[in-house]
């Protein structure tokens, strides 16, 4: 249970203020859902902070200035930087840290899910993120967050996830894996894949690690270290396979798809 350190009179005063704020927000902004804020074990000072922040955001969103935009570069104060081509690897990391800290000070943050080098991240920050629009007057108390993969659709992370989904779908015989249909008609060696799959009754103990790769165009080849046990029939000893799996991929209709796959044990 959360311990409340406020004196009883101050606590009661805050509770009264919170109820007043809720009524005010409902009346001014139609904030019906504000009543769903959890009441049990929530200290009144925490609820009070939440309600005041909610009010500030609502007031800001209704102001004219909330719609004015500038580039991230302008918002950050037009920081001086060098092209990634003019920096060595050590300088790249140093400059990336400097720019990242500068952006954080300005309440601008970014996340990179892809496994890529500092050089590519620096290139992204200076060539793409700096051009991205952001509010000229930020929402009070909020940090604007950008995601690399949203600004860079051709990226390592999405192609890696497509590989992982394909492997999970193949070894579980579920090509509507996670509710997302994998287009079999695009797979050029589908007959070979089917022959390998139907040579066994089931597969178990799948393990894989998709290796790092730089993905910069609409076509790529991804590799993974894979191991699994294949059973010809129930009651038989498994055949263990391990080695490198290869996936040829294309970016089609805003999604990465596997157009050819080779697993350990399949003949080239």
Foldseek 3Di string as FASTA:
>chain_A
DADDPDDPVVQVVLVVVLVVLVVVCCVPPVPPCLVVPDDPPDRSVNSSVVSVLVVLQVVLVPDPLQPDKDFLCVLLPVDDDDQLVPDDQVVLVVVLVVVQVSLVVSLEHEEEPAPDGSSVVSNCVVPPRRRDMDRSDDRPPHHHYYYSCVRPLQFRVQQVVQVVQVVVCLQVVNCCGPNNHAPLVLAPVSVLSVVVSLQFPHKDDKDKDWDHDGGDDQKDKTKMWIWIWTHNDPPDGTDIFTDMKMFIWGQDPSHIHTRYIDGGPGDD
